[in-house]
Amino acid sequence: MIEKLEEIKLRFEEVGQLLSQPAVVSDMKKFTQLSKEYGIWKRWLRNTMRIRSARRLAACRERVGKRKRCRTAGACKNGTGRVGTQRDQLDSESRIY
């Protein structure tokens, strides 16, 4: 899974670099194709990062609930109950079709 994420991140960065090249900018068909791909990867990566954050926050809240020490205990207490729903929504948005 981590390898796949790294591959996607590398492709995202590669597409970003291609979009700034004059040869690609002058070719509207290629530029449009890469722009669409860039948008898809950007949304996917953003949602993936949000899912990771939500999972970390949920784990932190669980530790706080069990009275274990947690460095972000204050953050864990805010917005309780929304993490699971948000994570499920982001999971469904992040699927590659």
N, C-alpha and C. Protein backbone atom coordinates (compact mmCIF):
# COMPACT_ATOMS: atom_id res chain seq x y z
N MET A 1 0.82 -1.19 0.00
CA MET A 1 0.00 0.00 0.00
C MET A 1 0.87 1.26 0.00
N ILE A 2 1.89 1.27 0.85
CA ILE A 2 2.79 2.42 0.93
C ILE A 2 3.50 2.63 -0.42
N GLU A 3 3.91 1.54 -1.05
CA GLU A 3 4.58 1.64 -2.34
C GLU A 3 3.66 2.26 -3.38
N LYS A 4 2.41 1.86 -3.37
CA LYS A 4 1.43 2.39 -4.32
C LYS A 4 1.24 3.89 -4.10
N LEU A 5 1.15 4.30 -2.83
CA LEU A 5 1.02 5.73 -2.53
C LEU A 5 2.22 6.51 -3.01
N GLU A 6 3.40 5.95 -2.84
CA GLU A 6 4.61 6.62 -3.30
C GLU A 6 4.62 6.74 -4.82
N GLU A 7 4.16 5.69 -5.52
CA GLU A 7 4.09 5.73 -6.98
C GLU A 7 3.13 6.82 -7.43
N ILE A 8 1.99 6.91 -6.76
CA ILE A 8 0.99 7.91 -7.11
C ILE A 8 1.54 9.31 -6.85
N LYS A 9 2.21 9.48 -5.73
CA LYS A 9 2.78 10.79 -5.41
C LYS A 9 3.84 11.18 -6.44
N LEU A 10 4.67 10.23 -6.86
CA LEU A 10 5.68 10.51 -7.88
C LEU A 10 5.03 10.89 -9.21
N ARG A 11 3.97 10.18 -9.58
CA ARG A 11 3.27 10.50 -10.83
C ARG A 11 2.64 11.89 -10.75
N PHE A 12 2.07 12.22 -9.60
CA PHE A 12 1.48 13.53 -9.38
C PHE A 12 2.53 14.62 -9.58
N GLU A 13 3.70 14.44 -8.98
CA GLU A 13 4.78 15.41 -9.12
C GLU A 13 5.27 15.48 -10.57
N GLU A 14 5.35 14.32 -11.23
CA GLU A 14 5.79 14.29 -12.62
C GLU A 14 4.82 15.05 -13.52
N VAL A 15 3.53 14.82 -13.32
CA VAL A 15 2.52 15.51 -14.12
C VAL A 15 2.59 17.02 -13.88
N GLY A 16 2.81 17.41 -12.63
CA GLY A 16 2.96 18.82 -12.31
C GLY A 16 4.12 19.46 -13.05
N GLN A 17 5.22 18.73 -13.14
CA GLN A 17 6.38 19.25 -13.86
C GLN A 17 6.12 19.31 -15.37
N LEU A 18 5.44 18.28 -15.89
CA LEU A 18 5.12 18.27 -17.32
C LEU A 18 4.23 19.46 -17.69
N LEU A 19 3.31 19.81 -16.81
CA LEU A 19 2.39 20.91 -17.10
C LEU A 19 3.11 22.25 -17.22
N SER A 20 4.29 22.36 -16.69
CA SER A 20 5.02 23.62 -16.76
C SER A 20 5.99 23.69 -17.94
N GLN A 21 6.06 22.62 -18.72
CA GLN A 21 6.96 22.61 -19.87
C GLN A 21 6.31 23.29 -21.07
N PRO A 22 7.04 24.13 -21.77
CA PRO A 22 6.48 24.86 -22.92
C PRO A 22 5.93 23.95 -24.01
N ALA A 23 6.57 22.82 -24.26
CA ALA A 23 6.10 21.91 -25.30
C ALA A 23 4.71 21.37 -24.98
N VAL A 24 4.46 21.09 -23.70
CA VAL A 24 3.16 20.57 -23.28
C VAL A 24 2.12 21.68 -23.31
N VAL A 25 2.50 22.87 -22.88
CA VAL A 25 1.56 24.00 -22.86
C VAL A 25 1.09 24.33 -24.27
N SER A 26 1.95 24.21 -25.25
CA SER A 26 1.58 24.52 -26.63
C SER A 26 0.70 23.43 -27.27
N ASP A 27 0.73 22.23 -26.75
CA ASP A 27 -0.10 21.13 -27.25
C ASP A 27 -1.36 21.03 -26.37
N MET A 28 -2.46 21.65 -26.82
CA MET A 28 -3.68 21.75 -26.01
C MET A 28 -4.25 20.38 -25.63
N LYS A 29 -4.19 19.43 -26.54
CA LYS A 29 -4.73 18.10 -26.25
C LYS A 29 -3.96 17.46 -25.09
N LYS A 30 -2.65 17.49 -25.16
CA LYS A 30 -1.81 16.91 -24.11
C LYS A 30 -1.97 17.70 -22.81
N PHE A 31 -2.03 19.03 -22.92
CA PHE A 31 -2.16 19.88 -21.73
C PHE A 31 -3.49 19.58 -21.02
N THR A 32 -4.57 19.45 -21.77
CA THR A 32 -5.88 19.15 -21.19
C THR A 32 -5.87 17.79 -20.51
N GLN A 33 -5.30 16.80 -21.18
CA GLN A 33 -5.21 15.44 -20.62
C GLN A 33 -4.44 15.44 -19.31
N LEU A 34 -3.29 16.10 -19.30
CA LEU A 34 -2.47 16.15 -18.09
C LEU A 34 -3.13 16.96 -16.98
N SER A 35 -3.84 18.02 -17.35
CA SER A 35 -4.55 18.83 -16.35
C SER A 35 -5.62 18.01 -15.65
N LYS A 36 -6.36 17.22 -16.42
CA LYS A 36 -7.38 16.35 -15.82
C LYS A 36 -6.74 15.32 -14.90
N GLU A 37 -5.67 14.71 -15.36
CA GLU A 37 -4.97 13.72 -14.54
C GLU A 37 -4.43 14.35 -13.27
N TYR A 38 -3.87 15.54 -13.38
CA TYR A 38 -3.33 16.26 -12.22
C TYR A 38 -4.44 16.52 -11.20
N GLY A 39 -5.61 16.95 -11.68
CA GLY A 39 -6.74 17.21 -10.79
C GLY A 39 -7.21 15.97 -10.06
N ILE A 40 -7.25 14.86 -10.77
CA ILE A 40 -7.66 13.59 -10.16
C ILE A 40 -6.68 13.19 -9.07
N TRP A 41 -5.38 13.21 -9.37
CA TRP A 41 -4.37 12.82 -8.39
C TRP A 41 -4.35 13.78 -7.21
N LYS A 42 -4.55 15.07 -7.49
CA LYS A 42 -4.54 16.06 -6.41
C LYS A 42 -5.67 15.79 -5.41
N ARG A 43 -6.87 15.57 -5.93
CA ARG A 43 -8.01 15.24 -5.04
C ARG A 43 -7.76 13.94 -4.30
N TRP A 44 -7.26 12.95 -5.00
CA TRP A 44 -7.04 11.64 -4.39
C TRP A 44 -6.01 11.72 -3.27
N LEU A 45 -4.90 12.41 -3.54
CA LEU A 45 -3.86 12.54 -2.52
C LEU A 45 -4.34 13.38 -1.33
N ARG A 46 -5.08 14.45 -1.60
CA ARG A 46 -5.61 15.28 -0.51
C ARG A 46 -6.53 14.45 0.38
N ASN A 47 -7.43 13.70 -0.23
CA ASN A 47 -8.35 12.86 0.55
C ASN A 47 -7.61 11.77 1.30
N THR A 48 -6.59 11.20 0.70
CA THR A 48 -5.80 10.17 1.36
C THR A 48 -5.13 10.73 2.60
N MET A 49 -4.59 11.94 2.49
CA MET A 49 -3.96 12.57 3.65
C MET A 49 -4.99 12.87 4.74
N ARG A 50 -6.18 13.28 4.34
CA ARG A 50 -7.23 13.54 5.32
C ARG A 50 -7.65 12.25 6.02
N ILE A 51 -7.70 11.16 5.27
CA ILE A 51 -8.05 9.87 5.87
C ILE A 51 -7.00 9.47 6.89
N ARG A 52 -5.72 9.63 6.54
CA ARG A 52 -4.65 9.29 7.48
C ARG A 52 -4.76 10.12 8.75
N SER A 53 -5.04 11.41 8.60
CA SER A 53 -5.19 12.28 9.76
C SER A 53 -6.37 11.85 10.62
N ALA A 54 -7.48 11.53 9.97
CA ALA A 54 -8.67 11.09 10.71
C ALA A 54 -8.40 9.80 11.46
N ARG A 55 -7.67 8.90 10.84
CA ARG A 55 -7.35 7.63 11.51
C ARG A 55 -6.43 7.85 12.70
N ARG A 56 -5.44 8.74 12.53
CA ARG A 56 -4.55 9.05 13.66
C ARG A 56 -5.33 9.69 14.79
N LEU A 57 -6.23 10.59 14.46
CA LEU A 57 -7.04 11.27 15.47
C LEU A 57 -7.95 10.28 16.18
N ALA A 58 -8.54 9.35 15.44
CA ALA A 58 -9.40 8.34 16.05
C ALA A 58 -8.61 7.45 17.00
N ALA A 59 -7.39 7.07 16.60
CA ALA A 59 -6.55 6.24 17.47
C ALA A 59 -6.17 7.02 18.72
N CYS A 60 -5.91 8.29 18.57
CA CYS A 60 -5.56 9.13 19.71
C CYS A 60 -6.74 9.23 20.67
N ARG A 61 -7.92 9.42 20.11
CA ARG A 61 -9.11 9.51 20.96
C ARG A 61 -9.34 8.20 21.72
N GLU A 62 -9.05 7.10 21.05
CA GLU A 62 -9.20 5.80 21.71
C GLU A 62 -8.23 5.68 22.87
N ARG A 63 -6.99 6.12 22.66
CA ARG A 63 -6.01 6.08 23.75
C ARG A 63 -6.44 6.96 24.91
N VAL A 64 -6.97 8.14 24.61
CA VAL A 64 -7.42 9.04 25.66
C VAL A 64 -8.59 8.42 26.41
N GLY A 65 -9.46 7.75 25.68
CA GLY A 65 -10.60 7.08 26.30
C GLY A 65 -10.17 5.97 27.24
N LYS A 66 -9.04 5.36 26.97
CA LYS A 66 -8.52 4.29 27.83
C LYS A 66 -7.57 4.83 28.89
N ARG A 67 -7.50 6.16 28.99
CA ARG A 67 -6.67 6.85 29.99
C ARG A 67 -5.18 6.66 29.77
N LYS A 68 -4.79 6.40 28.54
CA LYS A 68 -3.36 6.34 28.23
C LYS A 68 -2.91 7.74 27.84
N ARG A 69 -1.65 8.01 27.99
CA ARG A 69 -1.12 9.33 27.68
C ARG A 69 -1.14 9.56 26.17
N CYS A 70 -1.47 10.78 25.83
CA CYS A 70 -1.50 11.17 24.42
C CYS A 70 -1.07 12.62 24.33
N ARG A 71 -0.11 12.90 23.46
CA ARG A 71 0.40 14.27 23.34
C ARG A 71 -0.64 15.23 22.80
N THR A 72 -1.58 14.73 22.02
CA THR A 72 -2.58 15.61 21.40
C THR A 72 -3.95 15.44 22.06
N ALA A 73 -3.97 15.20 23.34
CA ALA A 73 -5.23 14.95 24.04
C ALA A 73 -6.21 16.09 23.87
N GLY A 74 -5.74 17.32 23.88
CA GLY A 74 -6.64 18.46 23.71
C GLY A 74 -7.32 18.45 22.35
N ALA A 75 -6.57 18.12 21.33
CA ALA A 75 -7.13 18.06 19.98
C ALA A 75 -8.11 16.90 19.85
N CYS A 76 -7.85 15.83 20.58
CA CYS A 76 -8.71 14.65 20.49
C CYS A 76 -10.09 14.93 21.06
N LYS A 77 -10.18 15.81 22.02
CA LYS A 77 -11.47 16.08 22.67
C LYS A 77 -12.38 16.93 21.79
N ASN A 78 -11.82 17.64 20.85
CA ASN A 78 -12.62 18.50 19.98
C ASN A 78 -13.26 17.70 18.85
N GLY A 79 -14.54 17.90 18.62
CA GLY A 79 -15.21 17.29 17.47
C GLY A 79 -15.42 15.79 17.58
N THR A 80 -15.59 15.26 18.77
CA THR A 80 -15.77 13.82 18.96
C THR A 80 -17.01 13.36 18.19
N GLY A 81 -16.90 12.21 17.53
CA GLY A 81 -18.02 11.63 16.82
C GLY A 81 -18.01 11.89 15.33
N ARG A 82 -17.29 12.89 14.87
CA ARG A 82 -17.27 13.19 13.45
C ARG A 82 -16.21 12.42 12.70
N VAL A 83 -15.23 11.91 13.38
CA VAL A 83 -14.09 11.28 12.71
C VAL A 83 -14.50 10.08 11.89
N GLY A 84 -15.29 9.17 12.44
CA GLY A 84 -15.69 7.96 11.72
C GLY A 84 -16.47 8.28 10.46
N THR A 85 -17.43 9.19 10.56
CA THR A 85 -18.24 9.57 9.41
C THR A 85 -17.39 10.24 8.35
N GLN A 86 -16.52 11.14 8.78
CA GLN A 86 -15.64 11.84 7.85
C GLN A 86 -14.71 10.84 7.16
N ARG A 87 -14.18 9.91 7.91
CA ARG A 87 -13.26 8.91 7.35
C ARG A 87 -13.98 8.07 6.30
N ASP A 88 -15.21 7.63 6.59
CA ASP A 88 -15.97 6.82 5.65
C ASP A 88 -16.24 7.59 4.36
N GLN A 89 -16.61 8.87 4.50
CA GLN A 89 -16.88 9.69 3.34
C GLN A 89 -15.62 9.85 2.50
N LEU A 90 -14.50 10.13 3.13
CA LEU A 90 -13.25 10.31 2.40
C LEU A 90 -12.78 9.01 1.78
N ASP A 91 -13.01 7.88 2.45
CA ASP A 91 -12.65 6.59 1.88
C ASP A 91 -13.36 6.39 0.55
N SER A 92 -14.65 6.70 0.52
CA SER A 92 -15.42 6.49 -0.71
C SER A 92 -14.99 7.47 -1.80
N GLU A 93 -14.61 8.71 -1.43
CA GLU A 93 -14.16 9.70 -2.42
C GLU A 93 -12.79 9.37 -2.98
N SER A 94 -11.98 8.64 -2.24
CA SER A 94 -10.59 8.39 -2.63
C SER A 94 -10.41 7.16 -3.50
N ARG A 95 -11.46 6.46 -3.77
CA ARG A 95 -11.32 5.28 -4.63
C ARG A 95 -10.98 5.69 -6.04
N ILE A 96 -10.09 4.97 -6.66
CA ILE A 96 -9.70 5.25 -8.05
C ILE A 96 -10.64 4.46 -8.94
N TYR A 97 -11.27 5.14 -9.86
CA TYR A 97 -12.26 4.51 -10.72
C TYR A 97 -11.63 4.07 -12.01
